[in-house]
Amino acid sequence: MTKKPTVEELGIDPDALDWKRSGNDEGAIEVAFAGEWTLLRTSGRLISVFDENEWACFLDGVKKGEFDNAAS
């Protein structure tokens, strides 16, 4: 298995991306797309880099309610 690259290794400038926010509160998540990569962060801090398959699986889990109780 190949190690997943970091944002730095991809040469992506996070400040240059078009981030979409889930809300206006401090704990809101932000998502940006950079080619085949999806970046996820909270409060401006990078959390994870997803490839296309991982992002599709994450969205599928969200749709199925797998994360509904994650914050409690």
PDB file of N, CA and C in Angstrom:
ATOM      1  N   MET A   1       0.836  -1.174   0.000  1.00  0.00           N
ATOM      2  CA  MET A   1       0.000   0.000   0.000  1.00  0.00           C
ATOM      3  C   MET A   1       0.888   1.247   0.000  1.00  0.00           C
ATOM      4  N   THR A   2       0.564   2.186  -0.852  1.00  0.00           N
ATOM      5  CA  THR A   2       1.315   3.425  -0.966  1.00  0.00           C
ATOM      6  C   THR A   2       0.830   4.420   0.070  1.00  0.00           C
ATOM      7  N   LYS A   3       1.776   5.138   0.658  1.00  0.00           N
ATOM      8  CA  LYS A   3       1.434   6.167   1.643  1.00  0.00           C
ATOM      9  C   LYS A   3       0.686   7.311   0.957  1.00  0.00           C
ATOM     10  N   LYS A   4      -0.378   7.758   1.578  1.00  0.00           N
ATOM     11  CA  LYS A   4      -1.149   8.879   1.052  1.00  0.00           C
ATOM     12  C   LYS A   4      -0.335  10.157   1.208  1.00  0.00           C
ATOM     13  N   PRO A   5      -0.309  11.004   0.163  1.00  0.00           N
ATOM     14  CA  PRO A   5       0.477  12.236   0.246  1.00  0.00           C
ATOM     15  C   PRO A   5      -0.174  13.273   1.153  1.00  0.00           C
ATOM     16  N   THR A   6       0.645  14.137   1.677  1.00  0.00           N
ATOM     17  CA  THR A   6       0.169  15.285   2.439  1.00  0.00           C
ATOM     18  C   THR A   6      -0.106  16.424   1.457  1.00  0.00           C
ATOM     19  N   VAL A   7      -0.723  17.485   1.934  1.00  0.00           N
ATOM     20  CA  VAL A   7      -0.963  18.658   1.105  1.00  0.00           C
ATOM     21  C   VAL A   7       0.370  19.227   0.623  1.00  0.00           C
ATOM     22  N   GLU A   8       1.353  19.252   1.497  1.00  0.00           N
ATOM     23  CA  GLU A   8       2.666  19.768   1.134  1.00  0.00           C
ATOM     24  C   GLU A   8       3.282  18.920   0.025  1.00  0.00           C
ATOM     25  N   GLU A   9       3.181  17.606   0.141  1.00  0.00           N
ATOM     26  CA  GLU A   9       3.737  16.714  -0.876  1.00  0.00           C
ATOM     27  C   GLU A   9       3.013  16.855  -2.216  1.00  0.00           C
ATOM     28  N   LEU A  10       1.725  17.214  -2.175  1.00  0.00           N
ATOM     29  CA  LEU A  10       0.966  17.432  -3.407  1.00  0.00           C
ATOM     30  C   LEU A  10       1.280  18.788  -4.038  1.00  0.00           C
ATOM     31  N   GLY A  11       1.899  19.675  -3.268  1.00  0.00           N
ATOM     32  CA  GLY A  11       2.214  21.007  -3.768  1.00  0.00           C
ATOM     33  C   GLY A  11       0.988  21.900  -3.885  1.00  0.00           C
ATOM     34  N   ILE A  12      -0.013  21.639  -3.044  1.00  0.00           N
ATOM     35  CA  ILE A  12      -1.259  22.400  -3.074  1.00  0.00           C
ATOM     36  C   ILE A  12      -1.181  23.530  -2.046  1.00  0.00           C
ATOM     37  N   ASP A  13      -1.589  24.728  -2.456  1.00  0.00           N
ATOM     38  CA  ASP A  13      -1.676  25.865  -1.543  1.00  0.00           C
ATOM     39  C   ASP A  13      -3.103  25.913  -1.009  1.00  0.00           C
ATOM     40  N   PRO A  14      -3.342  25.489   0.241  1.00  0.00           N
ATOM     41  CA  PRO A  14      -4.706  25.462   0.786  1.00  0.00           C
ATOM     42  C   PRO A  14      -5.404  26.821   0.732  1.00  0.00           C
ATOM     43  N   ASP A  15      -4.655  27.911   0.862  1.00  0.00           N
ATOM     44  CA  ASP A  15      -5.262  29.239   0.845  1.00  0.00           C
ATOM     45  C   ASP A  15      -5.796  29.624  -0.531  1.00  0.00           C
ATOM     46  N   ALA A  16      -5.324  28.953  -1.572  1.00  0.00           N
ATOM     47  CA  ALA A  16      -5.760  29.264  -2.935  1.00  0.00           C
ATOM     48  C   ALA A  16      -6.991  28.457  -3.353  1.00  0.00           C
ATOM     49  N   LEU A  17      -7.437  27.524  -2.498  1.00  0.00           N
ATOM     50  CA  LEU A  17      -8.579  26.670  -2.844  1.00  0.00           C
ATOM     51  C   LEU A  17      -9.901  27.333  -2.488  1.00  0.00           C
ATOM     52  N   ASP A  18     -10.951  26.887  -3.131  1.00  0.00           N
ATOM     53  CA  ASP A  18     -12.312  27.361  -2.878  1.00  0.00           C
ATOM     54  C   ASP A  18     -12.945  26.429  -1.846  1.00  0.00           C
ATOM     55  N   TRP A  19     -12.881  26.804  -0.577  1.00  0.00           N
ATOM     56  CA  TRP A  19     -13.386  25.977   0.520  1.00  0.00           C
ATOM     57  C   TRP A  19     -14.891  26.175   0.690  1.00  0.00           C
ATOM     58  N   LYS A  20     -15.619  25.083   0.843  1.00  0.00           N
ATOM     59  CA  LYS A  20     -17.058  25.105   1.130  1.00  0.00           C
ATOM     60  C   LYS A  20     -17.238  24.759   2.600  1.00  0.00           C
ATOM     61  N   ARG A  21     -17.980  25.600   3.337  1.00  0.00           N
ATOM     62  CA  ARG A  21     -18.178  25.404   4.784  1.00  0.00           C
ATOM     63  C   ARG A  21     -19.523  24.769   5.072  1.00  0.00           C
ATOM     64  N   SER A  22     -19.563  23.939   6.107  1.00  0.00           N
ATOM     65  CA  SER A  22     -20.814  23.301   6.528  1.00  0.00           C
ATOM     66  C   SER A  22     -21.673  24.238   7.371  1.00  0.00           C
ATOM     67  N   GLY A  23     -21.107  25.321   7.849  1.00  0.00           N
ATOM     68  CA  GLY A  23     -21.829  26.280   8.684  1.00  0.00           C
ATOM     69  C   GLY A  23     -20.898  27.391   9.106  1.00  0.00           C
ATOM     70  N   ASN A  24     -21.377  28.246  10.007  1.00  0.00           N
ATOM     71  CA  ASN A  24     -20.578  29.392  10.437  1.00  0.00           C
ATOM     72  C   ASN A  24     -19.974  29.232  11.824  1.00  0.00           C
ATOM     73  N   ASP A  25     -20.333  28.163  12.541  1.00  0.00           N
ATOM     74  CA  ASP A  25     -19.803  27.990  13.888  1.00  0.00           C
ATOM     75  C   ASP A  25     -18.341  27.550  13.853  1.00  0.00           C
ATOM     76  N   GLU A  26     -17.684  27.618  14.997  1.00  0.00           N
ATOM     77  CA  GLU A  26     -16.264  27.308  15.088  1.00  0.00           C
ATOM     78  C   GLU A  26     -15.939  25.869  14.684  1.00  0.00           C
ATOM     79  N   GLY A  27     -16.840  24.941  14.916  1.00  0.00           N
ATOM     80  CA  GLY A  27     -16.591  23.536  14.611  1.00  0.00           C
ATOM     81  C   GLY A  27     -17.012  23.120  13.219  1.00  0.00           C
ATOM     82  N   ALA A  28     -17.355  24.070  12.362  1.00  0.00           N
ATOM     83  CA  ALA A  28     -17.790  23.738  11.007  1.00  0.00           C
ATOM     84  C   ALA A  28     -16.659  23.078  10.224  1.00  0.00           C
ATOM     85  N   ILE A  29     -17.021  22.155   9.361  1.00  0.00           N
ATOM     86  CA  ILE A  29     -16.013  21.547   8.501  1.00  0.00           C
ATOM     87  C   ILE A  29     -15.962  22.304   7.188  1.00  0.00           C
ATOM     88  N   GLU A  30     -14.805  22.229   6.548  1.00  0.00           N
ATOM     89  CA  GLU A  30     -14.602  22.849   5.247  1.00  0.00           C
ATOM     90  C   GLU A  30     -14.064  21.790   4.299  1.00  0.00           C
ATOM     91  N   VAL A  31     -14.549  21.829   3.061  1.00  0.00           N
ATOM     92  CA  VAL A  31     -14.140  20.869   2.040  1.00  0.00           C
ATOM     93  C   VAL A  31     -13.695  21.637   0.808  1.00  0.00           C
ATOM     94  N   ALA A  32     -12.591  21.188   0.207  1.00  0.00           N
ATOM     95  CA  ALA A  32     -12.111  21.765  -1.051  1.00  0.00           C
ATOM     96  C   ALA A  32     -11.671  20.630  -1.962  1.00  0.00           C
ATOM     97  N   PHE A  33     -11.789  20.857  -3.253  1.00  0.00           N
ATOM     98  CA  PHE A  33     -11.419  19.854  -4.241  1.00  0.00           C
ATOM     99  C   PHE A  33     -10.217  20.358  -5.036  1.00  0.00           C
ATOM    100  N   ALA A  34      -9.219  19.493  -5.186  1.00  0.00           N
ATOM    101  CA  ALA A  34      -8.002  19.827  -5.924  1.00  0.00           C
ATOM    102  C   ALA A  34      -7.665  18.648  -6.832  1.00  0.00           C
ATOM    103  N   GLY A  35      -8.158  18.703  -8.060  1.00  0.00           N
ATOM    104  CA  GLY A  35      -7.940  17.591  -8.980  1.00  0.00           C
ATOM    105  C   GLY A  35      -8.606  16.342  -8.462  1.00  0.00           C
ATOM    106  N   GLU A  36      -7.848  15.270  -8.352  1.00  0.00           N
ATOM    107  CA  GLU A  36      -8.399  14.006  -7.869  1.00  0.00           C
ATOM    108  C   GLU A  36      -8.476  13.928  -6.341  1.00  0.00           C
ATOM    109  N   TRP A  37      -8.051  14.958  -5.652  1.00  0.00           N
ATOM    110  CA  TRP A  37      -7.985  14.950  -4.195  1.00  0.00           C
ATOM    111  C   TRP A  37      -9.083  15.813  -3.579  1.00  0.00           C
ATOM    112  N   THR A  38      -9.575  15.372  -2.428  1.00  0.00           N
ATOM    113  CA  THR A  38     -10.534  16.139  -1.636  1.00  0.00           C
ATOM    114  C   THR A  38      -9.873  16.412  -0.300  1.00  0.00           C
ATOM    115  N   LEU A  39      -9.889  17.668   0.128  1.00  0.00           N
ATOM    116  CA  LEU A  39      -9.281  18.063   1.394  1.00  0.00           C
ATOM    117  C   LEU A  39     -10.385  18.435   2.369  1.00  0.00           C
ATOM    118  N   LEU A  40     -10.241  18.003   3.605  1.00  0.00           N
ATOM    119  CA  LEU A  40     -11.227  18.232   4.660  1.00  0.00           C
ATOM    120  C   LEU A  40     -10.511  18.854   5.842  1.00  0.00           C
ATOM    121  N   ARG A  41     -11.082  19.942   6.381  1.00  0.00           N
ATOM    122  CA  ARG A  41     -10.465  20.593   7.543  1.00  0.00           C
ATOM    123  C   ARG A  41     -11.550  21.186   8.439  1.00  0.00           C
ATOM    124  N   THR A  42     -11.152  21.535   9.665  1.00  0.00           N
ATOM    125  CA  THR A  42     -12.018  22.269  10.583  1.00  0.00           C
ATOM    126  C   THR A  42     -11.252  23.483  11.069  1.00  0.00           C
ATOM    127  N   SER A  43     -11.937  24.583  11.205  1.00  0.00           N
ATOM    128  CA  SER A  43     -11.347  25.832  11.719  1.00  0.00           C
ATOM    129  C   SER A  43     -10.041  26.201  11.029  1.00  0.00           C
ATOM    130  N   GLY A  44      -9.941  25.945   9.737  1.00  0.00           N
ATOM    131  CA  GLY A  44      -8.759  26.318   8.981  1.00  0.00           C
ATOM    132  C   GLY A  44      -7.581  25.381   9.128  1.00  0.00           C
ATOM    133  N   ARG A  45      -7.730  24.328   9.912  1.00  0.00           N
ATOM    134  CA  ARG A  45      -6.643  23.371  10.124  1.00  0.00           C
ATOM    135  C   ARG A  45      -6.917  22.123   9.310  1.00  0.00           C
ATOM    136  N   LEU A  46      -5.970  21.714   8.490  1.00  0.00           N
ATOM    137  CA  LEU A  46      -6.170  20.552   7.640  1.00  0.00           C
ATOM    138  C   LEU A  46      -6.336  19.298   8.481  1.00  0.00           C
ATOM    139  N   ILE A  47      -7.348  18.528   8.145  1.00  0.00           N
ATOM    140  CA  ILE A  47      -7.597  17.294   8.864  1.00  0.00           C
ATOM    141  C   ILE A  47      -7.176  16.082   8.037  1.00  0.00           C
ATOM    142  N   SER A  48      -7.614  16.010   6.773  1.00  0.00           N
ATOM    143  CA  SER A  48      -7.334  14.817   5.998  1.00  0.00           C
ATOM    144  C   SER A  48      -7.381  15.089   4.505  1.00  0.00           C
ATOM    145  N   VAL A  49      -6.695  14.230   3.766  1.00  0.00           N
ATOM    146  CA  VAL A  49      -6.708  14.227   2.310  1.00  0.00           C
ATOM    147  C   VAL A  49      -7.340  12.913   1.873  1.00  0.00           C
ATOM    148  N   PHE A  50      -8.344  12.996   1.015  1.00  0.00           N
ATOM    149  CA  PHE A  50      -9.047  11.809   0.522  1.00  0.00           C
ATOM    150  C   PHE A  50      -8.797  11.652  -0.977  1.00  0.00           C
ATOM    151  N   ASP A  51      -8.629  10.400  -1.431  1.00  0.00           N
ATOM    152  CA  ASP A  51      -8.656  10.190  -2.868  1.00  0.00           C
ATOM    153  C   ASP A  51     -10.121  10.017  -3.281  1.00  0.00           C
ATOM    154  N   GLU A  52     -10.377   9.866  -4.552  1.00  0.00           N
ATOM    155  CA  GLU A  52     -11.759   9.834  -5.044  1.00  0.00           C
ATOM    156  C   GLU A  52     -12.575   8.700  -4.417  1.00  0.00           C
ATOM    157  N   ASN A  53     -11.994   7.515  -4.292  1.00  0.00           N
ATOM    158  CA  ASN A  53     -12.703   6.365  -3.714  1.00  0.00           C
ATOM    159  C   ASN A  53     -12.998   6.584  -2.235  1.00  0.00           C
ATOM    160  N   GLU A  54     -12.022   7.085  -1.492  1.00  0.00           N
ATOM    161  CA  GLU A  54     -12.227   7.346  -0.062  1.00  0.00           C
ATOM    162  C   GLU A  54     -13.326   8.380   0.146  1.00  0.00           C
ATOM    163  N   TRP A  55     -13.339   9.423  -0.680  1.00  0.00           N
ATOM    164  CA  TRP A  55     -14.356  10.466  -0.550  1.00  0.00           C
ATOM    165  C   TRP A  55     -15.738   9.895  -0.842  1.00  0.00           C
ATOM    166  N   ALA A  56     -15.848   9.056  -1.873  1.00  0.00           N
ATOM    167  CA  ALA A  56     -17.133   8.430  -2.211  1.00  0.00           C
ATOM    168  C   ALA A  56     -17.612   7.562  -1.048  1.00  0.00           C
ATOM    169  N   CYS A  57     -16.722   6.811  -0.424  1.00  0.00           N
ATOM    170  CA  CYS A  57     -17.091   5.971   0.728  1.00  0.00           C
ATOM    171  C   CYS A  57     -17.513   6.829   1.919  1.00  0.00           C
ATOM    172  N   PHE A  58     -16.809   7.932   2.158  1.00  0.00           N
ATOM    173  CA  PHE A  58     -17.170   8.844   3.245  1.00  0.00           C
ATOM    174  C   PHE A  58     -18.568   9.412   3.020  1.00  0.00           C
ATOM    175  N   LEU A  59     -18.835   9.896   1.815  1.00  0.00           N
ATOM    176  CA  LEU A  59     -20.158  10.450   1.511  1.00  0.00           C
ATOM    177  C   LEU A  59     -21.252   9.399   1.651  1.00  0.00           C
ATOM    178  N   ASP A  60     -20.956   8.171   1.252  1.00  0.00           N
ATOM    179  CA  ASP A  60     -21.921   7.078   1.404  1.00  0.00           C
ATOM    180  C   ASP A  60     -22.244   6.857   2.882  1.00  0.00           C
ATOM    181  N   GLY A  61     -21.222   6.890   3.740  1.00  0.00           N
ATOM    182  CA  GLY A  61     -21.437   6.744   5.175  1.00  0.00           C
ATOM    183  C   GLY A  61     -22.255   7.870   5.757  1.00  0.00           C
ATOM    184  N   VAL A  62     -22.003   9.091   5.286  1.00  0.00           N
ATOM    185  CA  VAL A  62     -22.784  10.245   5.746  1.00  0.00           C
ATOM    186  C   VAL A  62     -24.246  10.061   5.368  1.00  0.00           C
ATOM    187  N   LYS A  63     -24.501   9.672   4.133  1.00  0.00           N
ATOM    188  CA  LYS A  63     -25.875   9.476   3.651  1.00  0.00           C
ATOM    189  C   LYS A  63     -26.596   8.394   4.434  1.00  0.00           C
ATOM    190  N   LYS A  64     -25.855   7.397   4.888  1.00  0.00           N
ATOM    191  CA  LYS A  64     -26.448   6.287   5.656  1.00  0.00           C
ATOM    192  C   LYS A  64     -26.573   6.596   7.142  1.00  0.00           C
ATOM    193  N   GLY A  65     -26.112   7.785   7.565  1.00  0.00           N
ATOM    194  CA  GLY A  65     -26.228   8.180   8.959  1.00  0.00           C
ATOM    195  C   GLY A  65     -25.157   7.622   9.876  1.00  0.00           C
ATOM    196  N   GLU A  66     -24.073   7.118   9.327  1.00  0.00           N
ATOM    197  CA  GLU A  66     -23.031   6.508  10.140  1.00  0.00           C
ATOM    198  C   GLU A  66     -22.326   7.484  11.075  1.00  0.00           C
ATOM    199  N   PHE A  67     -22.431   8.775  10.805  1.00  0.00           N
ATOM    200  CA  PHE A  67     -21.742   9.776  11.615  1.00  0.00           C
ATOM    201  C   PHE A  67     -22.684  10.644  12.407  1.00  0.00           C
ATOM    202  N   ASP A  68     -23.953  10.301  12.424  1.00  0.00           N
ATOM    203  CA  ASP A  68     -24.968  11.136  13.090  1.00  0.00           C
ATOM    204  C   ASP A  68     -24.670  11.348  14.569  1.00  0.00           C
ATOM    205  N   ASN A  69     -24.073  10.397  15.227  1.00  0.00           N
ATOM    206  CA  ASN A  69     -23.815  10.526  16.674  1.00  0.00           C
ATOM    207  C   ASN A  69     -22.341  10.759  16.986  1.00  0.00           C
ATOM    208  N   ALA A  70     -21.559  11.132  15.977  1.00  0.00           N
ATOM    209  CA  ALA A  70     -20.118  11.289  16.166  1.00  0.00           C
ATOM    210  C   ALA A  70     -19.751  12.394  17.140  1.00  0.00           C
ATOM    211  N   ALA A  71     -20.548  13.441  17.206  1.00  0.00           N
ATOM    212  CA  ALA A  71     -20.220  14.567  18.077  1.00  0.00           C
ATOM    213  C   ALA A  71     -20.733  14.386  19.501  1.00  0.00           C
ATOM    214  N   SER A  72     -21.523  13.370  19.743  1.00  0.00           N
ATOM    215  CA  SER A  72     -22.074  13.213  21.098  1.00  0.00           C
ATOM    216  C   SER A  72     -21.267  12.285  21.959  1.00  0.00           C
TER     217      SER A  72
END
